[in-house]
Amino acid sequence: EDATGAAIHLMGLDRAAGLGPSGHADGPYAPDH
């Protein structure tokens, strides 16, 4: 649960930053996939 919480926090950060195909979160799944 600790590891999942940290992962969800990272996904929220990436989602808020709009990371997707052109950012760090490029692949193949974006944080909101």
PDB file of all heavy atoms in Angstrom:
ATOM      1  N   GLU A   1       0.823  -1.205   0.000  1.00  0.00           N
ATOM      2  CA  GLU A   1       0.000   0.000   0.000  1.00  0.00           C
ATOM      3  C   GLU A   1       0.860   1.260   0.000  1.00  0.00           C
ATOM      4  O   GLU A   1       0.516   2.257  -0.637  1.00  0.00           O
ATOM      5  CB  GLU A   1      -0.962   0.013   1.197  1.00  0.00           C
ATOM      6  CG  GLU A   1      -2.041  -1.046   1.148  1.00  0.00           C
ATOM      7  CD  GLU A   1      -1.556  -2.450   1.527  1.00  0.00           C
ATOM      8  OE1 GLU A   1      -0.491  -2.582   2.188  1.00  0.00           O
ATOM      9  OE2 GLU A   1      -2.228  -3.418   1.150  1.00  0.00           O
ATOM     10  N   ASP A   2       1.992   1.226   0.726  1.00  0.00           N
ATOM     11  CA  ASP A   2       2.922   2.369   0.718  1.00  0.00           C
ATOM     12  C   ASP A   2       3.448   2.603  -0.696  1.00  0.00           C
ATOM     13  O   ASP A   2       3.503   3.743  -1.170  1.00  0.00           O
ATOM     14  CB  ASP A   2       4.116   2.117   1.650  1.00  0.00           C
ATOM     15  CG  ASP A   2       3.737   1.988   3.111  1.00  0.00           C
ATOM     16  OD1 ASP A   2       2.725   2.605   3.530  1.00  0.00           O
ATOM     17  OD2 ASP A   2       4.458   1.277   3.838  1.00  0.00           O
ATOM     18  N   ALA A   3       3.858   1.517  -1.356  1.00  0.00           N
ATOM     19  CA  ALA A   3       4.397   1.625  -2.716  1.00  0.00           C
ATOM     20  C   ALA A   3       3.321   2.103  -3.690  1.00  0.00           C
ATOM     21  O   ALA A   3       3.590   2.935  -4.561  1.00  0.00           O
ATOM     22  CB  ALA A   3       4.970   0.281  -3.163  1.00  0.00           C
ATOM     23  N   THR A   4       2.109   1.609  -3.534  1.00  0.00           N
ATOM     24  CA  THR A   4       1.010   2.040  -4.405  1.00  0.00           C
ATOM     25  C   THR A   4       0.689   3.514  -4.178  1.00  0.00           C
ATOM     26  O   THR A   4       0.449   4.263  -5.128  1.00  0.00           O
ATOM     27  CB  THR A   4      -0.240   1.171  -4.179  1.00  0.00           C
ATOM     28  OG1 THR A   4       0.098  -0.191  -4.472  1.00  0.00           O
ATOM     29  CG2 THR A   4      -1.393   1.608  -5.063  1.00  0.00           C
ATOM     30  N   GLY A   5       0.692   3.948  -2.925  1.00  0.00           N
ATOM     31  CA  GLY A   5       0.436   5.364  -2.628  1.00  0.00           C
ATOM     32  C   GLY A   5       1.465   6.270  -3.285  1.00  0.00           C
ATOM     33  O   GLY A   5       1.117   7.321  -3.847  1.00  0.00           O
ATOM     34  N   ALA A   6       2.748   5.891  -3.226  1.00  0.00           N
ATOM     35  CA  ALA A   6       3.795   6.690  -3.871  1.00  0.00           C
ATOM     36  C   ALA A   6       3.608   6.695  -5.389  1.00  0.00           C
ATOM     37  O   ALA A   6       3.822   7.715  -6.050  1.00  0.00           O
ATOM     38  CB  ALA A   6       5.172   6.138  -3.504  1.00  0.00           C
ATOM     39  N   ALA A   7       3.191   5.566  -5.939  1.00  0.00           N
ATOM     40  CA  ALA A   7       2.950   5.479  -7.382  1.00  0.00           C
ATOM     41  C   ALA A   7       1.785   6.373  -7.797  1.00  0.00           C
ATOM     42  O   ALA A   7       1.861   7.090  -8.806  1.00  0.00           O
ATOM     43  CB  ALA A   7       2.662   4.029  -7.775  1.00  0.00           C
ATOM     44  N   ILE A   8       0.719   6.367  -7.025  1.00  0.00           N
ATOM     45  CA  ILE A   8      -0.444   7.210  -7.329  1.00  0.00           C
ATOM     46  C   ILE A   8      -0.063   8.683  -7.240  1.00  0.00           C
ATOM     47  O   ILE A   8      -0.498   9.506  -8.058  1.00  0.00           O
ATOM     48  CB  ILE A   8      -1.623   6.858  -6.401  1.00  0.00           C
ATOM     49  CG1 ILE A   8      -2.169   5.475  -6.780  1.00  0.00           C
ATOM     50  CG2 ILE A   8      -2.718   7.904  -6.452  1.00  0.00           C
ATOM     51  CD1 ILE A   8      -3.155   4.889  -5.789  1.00  0.00           C
ATOM     52  N   HIS A   9       0.782   9.012  -6.268  1.00  0.00           N
ATOM     53  CA  HIS A   9       1.237  10.404  -6.143  1.00  0.00           C
ATOM     54  C   HIS A   9       2.027  10.817  -7.390  1.00  0.00           C
ATOM     55  O   HIS A   9       1.825  11.911  -7.922  1.00  0.00           O
ATOM     56  CB  HIS A   9       2.075  10.572  -4.885  1.00  0.00           C
ATOM     57  CG  HIS A   9       2.396  11.992  -4.592  1.00  0.00           C
ATOM     58  ND1 HIS A   9       1.595  12.783  -3.812  1.00  0.00           N
ATOM     59  CD2 HIS A   9       3.409  12.775  -5.009  1.00  0.00           C
ATOM     60  CE1 HIS A   9       2.109  14.000  -3.749  1.00  0.00           C
ATOM     61  NE2 HIS A   9       3.211  14.018  -4.469  1.00  0.00           N
ATOM     62  N   LEU A  10       2.925   9.953  -7.867  1.00  0.00           N
ATOM     63  CA  LEU A  10       3.688  10.243  -9.085  1.00  0.00           C
ATOM     64  C   LEU A  10       2.748  10.412 -10.274  1.00  0.00           C
ATOM     65  O   LEU A  10       2.896  11.351 -11.064  1.00  0.00           O
ATOM     66  CB  LEU A  10       4.696   9.140  -9.378  1.00  0.00           C
ATOM     67  CG  LEU A  10       5.434   9.284 -10.710  1.00  0.00           C
ATOM     68  CD1 LEU A  10       6.382  10.477 -10.678  1.00  0.00           C
ATOM     69  CD2 LEU A  10       6.169   8.006 -11.061  1.00  0.00           C
ATOM     70  N   MET A  11       1.768   9.544 -10.400  1.00  0.00           N
ATOM     71  CA  MET A  11       0.822   9.648 -11.507  1.00  0.00           C
ATOM     72  C   MET A  11       0.060  10.962 -11.446  1.00  0.00           C
ATOM     73  O   MET A  11      -0.158  11.606 -12.478  1.00  0.00           O
ATOM     74  CB  MET A  11      -0.149   8.459 -11.485  1.00  0.00           C
ATOM     75  CG  MET A  11       0.500   7.158 -11.891  1.00  0.00           C
ATOM     76  SD  MET A  11      -0.548   5.694 -11.626  1.00  0.00           S
ATOM     77  CE  MET A  11      -2.045   6.157 -12.436  1.00  0.00           C
ATOM     78  N   GLY A  12      -0.342  11.379 -10.255  1.00  0.00           N
ATOM     79  CA  GLY A  12      -1.036  12.664 -10.105  1.00  0.00           C
ATOM     80  C   GLY A  12      -0.157  13.824 -10.507  1.00  0.00           C
ATOM     81  O   GLY A  12      -0.604  14.766 -11.168  1.00  0.00           O
ATOM     82  N   LEU A  13       1.116  13.762 -10.123  1.00  0.00           N
ATOM     83  CA  LEU A  13       2.080  14.800 -10.502  1.00  0.00           C
ATOM     84  C   LEU A  13       2.240  14.851 -12.018  1.00  0.00           C
ATOM     85  O   LEU A  13       2.209  15.921 -12.624  1.00  0.00           O
ATOM     86  CB  LEU A  13       3.423  14.514  -9.825  1.00  0.00           C
ATOM     87  CG  LEU A  13       4.520  15.542  -9.986  1.00  0.00           C
ATOM     88  CD1 LEU A  13       4.197  16.781  -9.156  1.00  0.00           C
ATOM     89  CD2 LEU A  13       5.847  14.938  -9.542  1.00  0.00           C
ATOM     90  N   ASP A  14       2.386  13.678 -12.640  1.00  0.00           N
ATOM     91  CA  ASP A  14       2.535  13.614 -14.094  1.00  0.00           C
ATOM     92  C   ASP A  14       1.276  14.085 -14.806  1.00  0.00           C
ATOM     93  O   ASP A  14       1.338  14.787 -15.809  1.00  0.00           O
ATOM     94  CB  ASP A  14       2.883  12.188 -14.539  1.00  0.00           C
ATOM     95  CG  ASP A  14       4.327  11.815 -14.238  1.00  0.00           C
ATOM     96  OD1 ASP A  14       5.095  12.675 -13.754  1.00  0.00           O
ATOM     97  OD2 ASP A  14       4.695  10.646 -14.494  1.00  0.00           O
ATOM     98  N   ARG A  15       0.129  13.710 -14.276  1.00  0.00           N
ATOM     99  CA  ARG A  15      -1.141  14.123 -14.873  1.00  0.00           C
ATOM    100  C   ARG A  15      -1.288  15.642 -14.800  1.00  0.00           C
ATOM    101  O   ARG A  15      -1.650  16.292 -15.779  1.00  0.00           O
ATOM    102  CB  ARG A  15      -2.295  13.431 -14.153  1.00  0.00           C
ATOM    103  CG  ARG A  15      -3.611  13.486 -14.889  1.00  0.00           C
ATOM    104  CD  ARG A  15      -4.707  12.688 -14.181  1.00  0.00           C
ATOM    105  NE  ARG A  15      -4.385  11.274 -14.047  1.00  0.00           N
ATOM    106  CZ  ARG A  15      -4.133  10.660 -12.874  1.00  0.00           C
ATOM    107  NH1 ARG A  15      -4.173  11.312 -11.743  1.00  0.00           N
ATOM    108  NH2 ARG A  15      -3.850   9.377 -12.852  1.00  0.00           N
ATOM    109  N   ALA A  16      -0.962  16.227 -13.642  1.00  0.00           N
ATOM    110  CA  ALA A  16      -1.073  17.680 -13.459  1.00  0.00           C
ATOM    111  C   ALA A  16      -0.100  18.429 -14.369  1.00  0.00           C
ATOM    112  O   ALA A  16      -0.398  19.530 -14.825  1.00  0.00           O
ATOM    113  CB  ALA A  16      -0.821  18.051 -11.997  1.00  0.00           C
ATOM    114  N   ALA A  17       1.051  17.817 -14.623  1.00  0.00           N
ATOM    115  CA  ALA A  17       2.053  18.455 -15.481  1.00  0.00           C
ATOM    116  C   ALA A  17       1.705  18.282 -16.957  1.00  0.00           C
ATOM    117  O   ALA A  17       2.378  18.841 -17.824  1.00  0.00           O
ATOM    118  CB  ALA A  17       3.431  17.872 -15.198  1.00  0.00           C
ATOM    119  N   GLY A  18       0.684  17.489 -17.240  1.00  0.00           N
ATOM    120  CA  GLY A  18       0.285  17.260 -18.628  1.00  0.00           C
ATOM    121  C   GLY A  18       1.254  16.382 -19.381  1.00  0.00           C
ATOM    122  O   GLY A  18       1.348  16.444 -20.602  1.00  0.00           O
ATOM    123  N   LEU A  19       2.009  15.542 -18.650  1.00  0.00           N
ATOM    124  CA  LEU A  19       2.968  14.679 -19.328  1.00  0.00           C
ATOM    125  C   LEU A  19       2.225  13.624 -20.124  1.00  0.00           C
ATOM    126  O   LEU A  19       1.263  13.052 -19.681  1.00  0.00           O
ATOM    127  CB  LEU A  19       3.908  14.016 -18.327  1.00  0.00           C
ATOM    128  CG  LEU A  19       4.830  14.956 -17.579  1.00  0.00           C
ATOM    129  CD1 LEU A  19       5.741  14.160 -16.647  1.00  0.00           C
ATOM    130  CD2 LEU A  19       5.659  15.789 -18.526  1.00  0.00           C
ATOM    131  N   GLY A  20       2.703  13.394 -21.288  1.00  0.00           N
ATOM    132  CA  GLY A  20       2.099  12.412 -22.168  1.00  0.00           C
ATOM    133  C   GLY A  20       3.093  12.028 -23.236  1.00  0.00           C
ATOM    134  O   GLY A  20       4.271  11.912 -22.952  1.00  0.00           O
ATOM    135  N   PRO A  21       2.651  11.888 -24.471  1.00  0.00           N
ATOM    136  CA  PRO A  21       3.535  11.402 -25.515  1.00  0.00           C
ATOM    137  C   PRO A  21       4.827  12.205 -25.699  1.00  0.00           C
ATOM    138  O   PRO A  21       5.817  11.670 -26.126  1.00  0.00           O
ATOM    139  CB  PRO A  21       2.667  11.472 -26.771  1.00  0.00           C
ATOM    140  CG  PRO A  21       1.282  11.330 -26.256  1.00  0.00           C
ATOM    141  CD  PRO A  21       1.288  12.017 -24.918  1.00  0.00           C
ATOM    142  N   SER A  22       4.851  13.473 -25.343  1.00  0.00           N
ATOM    143  CA  SER A  22       6.071  14.237 -25.548  1.00  0.00           C
ATOM    144  C   SER A  22       6.875  14.459 -24.279  1.00  0.00           C
ATOM    145  O   SER A  22       7.974  14.994 -24.325  1.00  0.00           O
ATOM    146  CB  SER A  22       5.732  15.603 -26.160  1.00  0.00           C
ATOM    147  OG  SER A  22       4.934  16.326 -25.249  1.00  0.00           O
ATOM    148  N   GLY A  23       6.350  14.032 -23.123  1.00  0.00           N
ATOM    149  CA  GLY A  23       7.058  14.263 -21.874  1.00  0.00           C
ATOM    150  C   GLY A  23       7.752  13.016 -21.391  1.00  0.00           C
ATOM    151  O   GLY A  23       7.970  12.065 -22.132  1.00  0.00           O
ATOM    152  N   HIS A  24       8.091  13.008 -20.135  1.00  0.00           N
ATOM    153  CA  HIS A  24       8.718  11.822 -19.554  1.00  0.00           C
ATOM    154  C   HIS A  24       7.777  10.631 -19.609  1.00  0.00           C
ATOM    155  O   HIS A  24       8.214   9.518 -19.797  1.00  0.00           O
ATOM    156  CB  HIS A  24       9.102  12.081 -18.095  1.00  0.00           C
ATOM    157  CG  HIS A  24      10.326  12.906 -17.951  1.00  0.00           C
ATOM    158  ND1 HIS A  24      11.580  12.373 -18.036  1.00  0.00           N
ATOM    159  CD2 HIS A  24      10.500  14.222 -17.759  1.00  0.00           C
ATOM    160  CE1 HIS A  24      12.482  13.322 -17.874  1.00  0.00           C
ATOM    161  NE2 HIS A  24      11.842  14.459 -17.705  1.00  0.00           N
ATOM    162  N   ALA A  25       6.507  10.889 -19.390  1.00  0.00           N
ATOM    163  CA  ALA A  25       5.534   9.796 -19.357  1.00  0.00           C
ATOM    164  C   ALA A  25       5.170   9.427 -20.790  1.00  0.00           C
ATOM    165  O   ALA A  25       4.091   9.698 -21.256  1.00  0.00           O
ATOM    166  CB  ALA A  25       4.300  10.225 -18.573  1.00  0.00           C
ATOM    167  N   ASP A  26       6.140   8.838 -21.476  1.00  0.00           N
ATOM    168  CA  ASP A  26       5.893   8.592 -22.888  1.00  0.00           C
ATOM    169  C   ASP A  26       5.904   7.139 -23.258  1.00  0.00           C
ATOM    170  O   ASP A  26       6.217   6.792 -24.377  1.00  0.00           O
ATOM    171  CB  ASP A  26       6.894   9.354 -23.749  1.00  0.00           C
ATOM    172  CG  ASP A  26       8.325   8.923 -23.546  1.00  0.00           C
ATOM    173  OD1 ASP A  26       8.596   8.160 -22.598  1.00  0.00           O
ATOM    174  OD2 ASP A  26       9.171   9.328 -24.306  1.00  0.00           O
ATOM    175  N   GLY A  27       5.622   6.285 -22.245  1.00  0.00           N
ATOM    176  CA  GLY A  27       5.457   5.134 -22.944  1.00  0.00           C
ATOM    177  C   GLY A  27       5.419   3.734 -22.504  1.00  0.00           C
ATOM    178  O   GLY A  27       6.285   3.355 -21.831  1.00  0.00           O
ATOM    179  N   PRO A  28       4.518   3.053 -22.954  1.00  0.00           N
ATOM    180  CA  PRO A  28       3.437   3.418 -23.864  1.00  0.00           C
ATOM    181  C   PRO A  28       2.193   3.973 -23.174  1.00  0.00           C
ATOM    182  O   PRO A  28       1.282   4.440 -23.827  1.00  0.00           O
ATOM    183  CB  PRO A  28       3.095   2.097 -24.548  1.00  0.00           C
ATOM    184  CG  PRO A  28       3.410   1.058 -23.528  1.00  0.00           C
ATOM    185  CD  PRO A  28       4.596   1.601 -22.758  1.00  0.00           C
ATOM    186  N   TYR A  29       2.172   3.959 -21.840  1.00  0.00           N
ATOM    187  CA  TYR A  29       0.948   4.365 -21.160  1.00  0.00           C
ATOM    188  C   TYR A  29       1.147   5.642 -20.357  1.00  0.00           C
ATOM    189  O   TYR A  29       2.026   5.723 -19.507  1.00  0.00           O
ATOM    190  CB  TYR A  29       0.435   3.245 -20.246  1.00  0.00           C
ATOM    191  CG  TYR A  29       0.063   2.018 -21.033  1.00  0.00           C
ATOM    192  CD1 TYR A  29       0.896   0.913 -21.066  1.00  0.00           C
ATOM    193  CD2 TYR A  29      -1.098   1.994 -21.776  1.00  0.00           C
ATOM    194  CE1 TYR A  29       0.560  -0.209 -21.811  1.00  0.00           C
ATOM    195  CE2 TYR A  29      -1.439   0.883 -22.530  1.00  0.00           C
ATOM    196  CZ  TYR A  29      -0.602  -0.220 -22.546  1.00  0.00           C
ATOM    197  OH  TYR A  29      -0.939  -1.306 -23.283  1.00  0.00           O
ATOM    198  N   ALA A  30       0.301   6.619 -20.612  1.00  0.00           N
ATOM    199  CA  ALA A  30       0.314   7.892 -19.893  1.00  0.00           C
ATOM    200  C   ALA A  30      -0.317   7.689 -18.514  1.00  0.00           C
ATOM    201  O   ALA A  30      -0.968   6.672 -18.262  1.00  0.00           O
ATOM    202  CB  ALA A  30      -0.455   8.947 -20.692  1.00  0.00           C
ATOM    203  N   PRO A  31      -0.170   8.653 -17.607  1.00  0.00           N
ATOM    204  CA  PRO A  31      -0.683   8.459 -16.239  1.00  0.00           C
ATOM    205  C   PRO A  31      -2.195   8.314 -16.146  1.00  0.00           C
ATOM    206  O   PRO A  31      -2.688   7.729 -15.190  1.00  0.00           O
ATOM    207  CB  PRO A  31      -0.207   9.706 -15.494  1.00  0.00           C
ATOM    208  CG  PRO A  31       0.137  10.696 -16.537  1.00  0.00           C
ATOM    209  CD  PRO A  31       0.523   9.924 -17.758  1.00  0.00           C
ATOM    210  N   ASP A  32      -2.927   8.810 -17.125  1.00  0.00           N
ATOM    211  CA  ASP A  32      -4.383   8.691 -17.051  1.00  0.00           C
ATOM    212  C   ASP A  32      -4.924   7.529 -17.881  1.00  0.00           C
ATOM    213  O   ASP A  32      -6.128   7.355 -17.985  1.00  0.00           O
ATOM    214  CB  ASP A  32      -5.049   9.998 -17.463  1.00  0.00           C
ATOM    215  CG  ASP A  32      -4.657  10.443 -18.855  1.00  0.00           C
ATOM    216  OD1 ASP A  32      -3.749   9.830 -19.456  1.00  0.00           O
ATOM    217  OD2 ASP A  32      -5.241  11.421 -19.346  1.00  0.00           O
ATOM    218  N   HIS A  33      -4.054   6.707 -18.444  1.00  0.00           N
ATOM    219  CA  HIS A  33      -4.493   5.537 -19.214  1.00  0.00           C
ATOM    220  C   HIS A  33      -5.116   4.514 -18.254  1.00  0.00           C
ATOM    221  O   HIS A  33      -4.659   4.373 -17.117  1.00  0.00           O
ATOM    222  CB  HIS A  33      -3.294   4.927 -19.943  1.00  0.00           C
ATOM    223  CG  HIS A  33      -3.670   3.883 -20.929  1.00  0.00           C
ATOM    224  ND1 HIS A  33      -3.971   2.591 -20.562  1.00  0.00           N
ATOM    225  CD2 HIS A  33      -3.811   3.952 -22.270  1.00  0.00           C
ATOM    226  CE1 HIS A  33      -4.278   1.888 -21.639  1.00  0.00           C
ATOM    227  NE2 HIS A  33      -4.183   2.691 -22.689  1.00  0.00           N
TER     228      HIS A  33
END
